[in-house]
């Protein structure tokens, strides 16, 4: 062998390994991307199907009346449909006075109750 052949051998091996390394990197990257997309889909599905509690009025309630358990009921709802100002526990409503009155079927909002 000549001296020129021995000095080019590492470069030939390196040039041979570049496409293999690129292919492996591409494959690994695509697998990571697929798993991340699946993870985000699962998180979105979980967020859209999570359940929370809202309080619904069963009968018309005039202003300045103390609410009892026969006037309201707890009801489940999708968490992404629950507004932040809605009351989410029946214990908060029972024993409180109404400010403006409540209509049958409405959801109880924090501002509907007197402190």
C-alpha atoms as a PDB file:
ATOM      1  CA  UNK A   1       0.000   0.000   0.000  1.00  0.00           C
ATOM      2  CA  UNK A   2       1.102   3.448  -0.668  1.00  0.00           C
ATOM      3  CA  UNK A   3       1.200   6.219   1.837  1.00  0.00           C
ATOM      4  CA  UNK A   4      -1.630   8.018   0.027  1.00  0.00           C
ATOM      5  CA  UNK A   5      -4.031   5.046   0.495  1.00  0.00           C
ATOM      6  CA  UNK A   6      -3.440   4.861   4.232  1.00  0.00           C
ATOM      7  CA  UNK A   7      -4.046   8.569   4.769  1.00  0.00           C
ATOM      8  CA  UNK A   8      -7.353   8.512   2.839  1.00  0.00           C
ATOM      9  CA  UNK A   9      -8.816   5.484   4.640  1.00  0.00           C
ATOM     10  CA  UNK A  10     -10.197   7.433   7.650  1.00  0.00           C
ATOM     11  CA  UNK A  11     -11.786   9.977   5.322  1.00  0.00           C
ATOM     12  CA  UNK A  12     -13.437   7.205   3.262  1.00  0.00           C
ATOM     13  CA  UNK A  13     -14.872   5.637   6.430  1.00  0.00           C
ATOM     14  CA  UNK A  14     -16.065   9.014   7.641  1.00  0.00           C
ATOM     15  CA  UNK A  15     -17.790   9.744   4.309  1.00  0.00           C
ATOM     16  CA  UNK A  16     -19.409   6.317   4.481  1.00  0.00           C
ATOM     17  CA  UNK A  17     -20.697   6.909   8.017  1.00  0.00           C
ATOM     18  CA  UNK A  18     -22.218  10.356   7.381  1.00  0.00           C
ATOM     19  CA  UNK A  19     -25.363   9.068   5.544  1.00  0.00           C
ATOM     20  CA  UNK A  20     -25.846   6.352   8.150  1.00  0.00           C
ATOM     21  CA  UNK A  21     -25.656   8.857  10.994  1.00  0.00           C
ATOM     22  CA  UNK A  22     -28.022  11.231   9.190  1.00  0.00           C
ATOM     23  CA  UNK A  23     -30.506   8.444   8.572  1.00  0.00           C
ATOM     24  CA  UNK A  24     -30.402   7.368  12.207  1.00  0.00           C
ATOM     25  CA  UNK A  25     -30.874  10.966  13.355  1.00  0.00           C
ATOM     26  CA  UNK A  26     -33.828  11.434  11.008  1.00  0.00           C
ATOM     27  CA  UNK A  27     -35.459   8.221  12.219  1.00  0.00           C
ATOM     28  CA  UNK A  28     -34.966   9.109  15.880  1.00  0.00           C
ATOM     29  CA  UNK A  29     -36.280  12.633  15.317  1.00  0.00           C
ATOM     30  CA  UNK A  30     -39.399  11.400  13.560  1.00  0.00           C
ATOM     31  CA  UNK A  31     -40.090   8.899  16.360  1.00  0.00           C
ATOM     32  CA  UNK A  32     -39.760  11.656  18.953  1.00  0.00           C
ATOM     33  CA  UNK A  33     -42.083  13.903  16.937  1.00  0.00           C
ATOM     34  CA  UNK A  34     -44.718  11.171  16.622  1.00  0.00           C
ATOM     35  CA  UNK A  35     -44.673  10.484  20.358  1.00  0.00           C
ATOM     36  CA  UNK A  36     -44.893  14.211  21.191  1.00  0.00           C
ATOM     37  CA  UNK A  37     -47.881  14.655  18.889  1.00  0.00           C
ATOM     38  CA  UNK A  38     -49.601  11.674  20.536  1.00  0.00           C
ATOM     39  CA  UNK A  39     -48.858  13.110  23.981  1.00  0.00           C
ATOM     40  CA  UNK A  40     -50.350  16.505  23.047  1.00  0.00           C
ATOM     41  CA  UNK A  41     -53.455  14.830  21.608  1.00  0.00           C
ATOM     42  CA  UNK A  42     -53.933  12.879  24.841  1.00  0.00           C
ATOM     43  CA  UNK A  43     -53.523  16.044  26.947  1.00  0.00           C
ATOM     44  CA  UNK A  44     -56.039  17.908  24.795  1.00  0.00           C
ATOM     45  CA  UNK A  45     -58.523  15.045  24.984  1.00  0.00           C
ATOM     46  CA  UNK A  46     -58.123  14.866  28.756  1.00  0.00           C
ATOM     47  CA  UNK A  47     -58.613  18.623  29.110  1.00  0.00           C
ATOM     48  CA  UNK A  48     -61.747  18.559  26.950  1.00  0.00           C
ATOM     49  CA  UNK A  49     -63.341  15.606  28.731  1.00  0.00           C
ATOM     50  CA  UNK A  50     -62.458  16.484  32.340  1.00  0.00           C
ATOM     51  CA  UNK A  51     -65.517  16.989  34.507  1.00  0.00           C
ATOM     52  CA  UNK A  52     -66.228  19.743  37.003  1.00  0.00           C
ATOM     53  CA  UNK A  53     -69.199  20.783  39.115  1.00  0.00           C
ATOM     54  CA  UNK A  54     -71.654  23.648  38.648  1.00  0.00           C
ATOM     55  CA  UNK A  55     -74.692  24.602  40.736  1.00  0.00           C
ATOM     56  CA  UNK A  56     -78.087  24.832  38.971  1.00  0.00           C
ATOM     57  CA  UNK A  57     -81.158  26.565  40.434  1.00  0.00           C
ATOM     58  CA  UNK A  58     -84.251  24.311  40.682  1.00  0.00           C
ATOM     59  CA  UNK A  59     -86.864  27.026  41.282  1.00  0.00           C
ATOM     60  CA  UNK A  60     -87.231  30.796  41.149  1.00  0.00           C
ATOM     61  CA  UNK A  61     -85.658  32.370  44.233  1.00  0.00           C
ATOM     62  CA  UNK A  62     -86.459  36.010  45.109  1.00  0.00           C
ATOM     63  CA  UNK A  63     -83.802  38.509  46.269  1.00  0.00           C
ATOM     64  CA  UNK A  64     -82.641  38.472  49.931  1.00  0.00           C
ATOM     65  CA  UNK A  65     -83.718  34.873  50.536  1.00  0.00           C
ATOM     66  CA  UNK A  66     -81.487  32.308  52.245  1.00  0.00           C
ATOM     67  CA  UNK A  67     -80.802  29.425  49.860  1.00  0.00           C
ATOM     68  CA  UNK A  68     -81.462  25.889  51.111  1.00  0.00           C
ATOM     69  CA  UNK A  69     -80.690  22.517  49.523  1.00  0.00           C
ATOM     70  CA  UNK A  70     -84.170  22.162  47.971  1.00  0.00           C
ATOM     71  CA  UNK A  71     -83.549  25.233  45.780  1.00  0.00           C
ATOM     72  CA  UNK A  72     -80.303  24.130  44.089  1.00  0.00           C
ATOM     73  CA  UNK A  73     -78.511  21.012  42.916  1.00  0.00           C
ATOM     74  CA  UNK A  74     -74.960  20.150  41.942  1.00  0.00           C
ATOM     75  CA  UNK A  75     -74.493  19.123  38.336  1.00  0.00           C
ATOM     76  CA  UNK A  76     -71.453  17.877  36.438  1.00  0.00           C
ATOM     77  CA  UNK A  77     -70.199  19.733  33.374  1.00  0.00           C
ATOM     78  CA  UNK A  78     -67.181  19.630  31.110  1.00  0.00           C
ATOM     79  CA  UNK A  79     -64.350  21.567  32.734  1.00  0.00           C
ATOM     80  CA  UNK A  80     -63.607  23.576  29.594  1.00  0.00           C
ATOM     81  CA  UNK A  81     -67.216  24.865  29.641  1.00  0.00           C
ATOM     82  CA  UNK A  82     -67.108  26.108  33.238  1.00  0.00           C
ATOM     83  CA  UNK A  83     -66.556  29.844  33.547  1.00  0.00           C
ATOM     84  CA  UNK A  84     -64.268  30.996  36.392  1.00  0.00           C
ATOM     85  CA  UNK A  85     -67.018  32.987  38.127  1.00  0.00           C
ATOM     86  CA  UNK A  86     -69.424  30.026  38.434  1.00  0.00           C
ATOM     87  CA  UNK A  87     -69.870  28.482  41.862  1.00  0.00           C
ATOM     88  CA  UNK A  88     -68.471  24.942  41.900  1.00  0.00           C
ATOM     89  CA  UNK A  89     -69.560  23.690  45.330  1.00  0.00           C
ATOM     90  CA  UNK A  90     -73.034  23.395  46.787  1.00  0.00           C
ATOM     91  CA  UNK A  91     -71.662  24.111  50.284  1.00  0.00           C
ATOM     92  CA  UNK A  92     -70.825  27.647  49.140  1.00  0.00           C
ATOM     93  CA  UNK A  93     -74.455  28.314  48.137  1.00  0.00           C
ATOM     94  CA  UNK A  94     -76.379  26.714  51.006  1.00  0.00           C
ATOM     95  CA  UNK A  95     -77.088  29.238  53.771  1.00  0.00           C
ATOM     96  CA  UNK A  96     -76.195  32.320  51.693  1.00  0.00           C
ATOM     97  CA  UNK A  97     -78.635  35.102  50.802  1.00  0.00           C
ATOM     98  CA  UNK A  98     -79.325  35.937  47.198  1.00  0.00           C
ATOM     99  CA  UNK A  99     -78.486  39.446  46.012  1.00  0.00           C
ATOM    100  CA  UNK A 100     -80.653  39.801  42.928  1.00  0.00           C
ATOM    101  CA  UNK A 101     -82.755  36.652  42.951  1.00  0.00           C
ATOM    102  CA  UNK A 102     -82.231  33.493  40.919  1.00  0.00           C
ATOM    103  CA  UNK A 103     -84.208  32.122  37.997  1.00  0.00           C
ATOM    104  CA  UNK A 104     -85.105  28.469  37.585  1.00  0.00           C
ATOM    105  CA  UNK A 105     -82.493  26.647  35.505  1.00  0.00           C
ATOM    106  CA  UNK A 106     -79.724  29.229  35.764  1.00  0.00           C
ATOM    107  CA  UNK A 107     -76.220  28.449  36.953  1.00  0.00           C
ATOM    108  CA  UNK A 108     -75.195  30.176  40.166  1.00  0.00           C
ATOM    109  CA  UNK A 109     -72.507  32.839  39.787  1.00  0.00           C
ATOM    110  CA  UNK A 110     -70.455  34.115  42.739  1.00  0.00           C
ATOM    111  CA  UNK A 111     -71.908  37.622  42.321  1.00  0.00           C
ATOM    112  CA  UNK A 112     -75.467  36.244  42.782  1.00  0.00           C
ATOM    113  CA  UNK A 113     -74.774  35.600  46.475  1.00  0.00           C
ATOM    114  CA  UNK A 114     -74.418  38.128  49.294  1.00  0.00           C
ATOM    115  CA  UNK A 115     -71.333  37.921  51.478  1.00  0.00           C
END
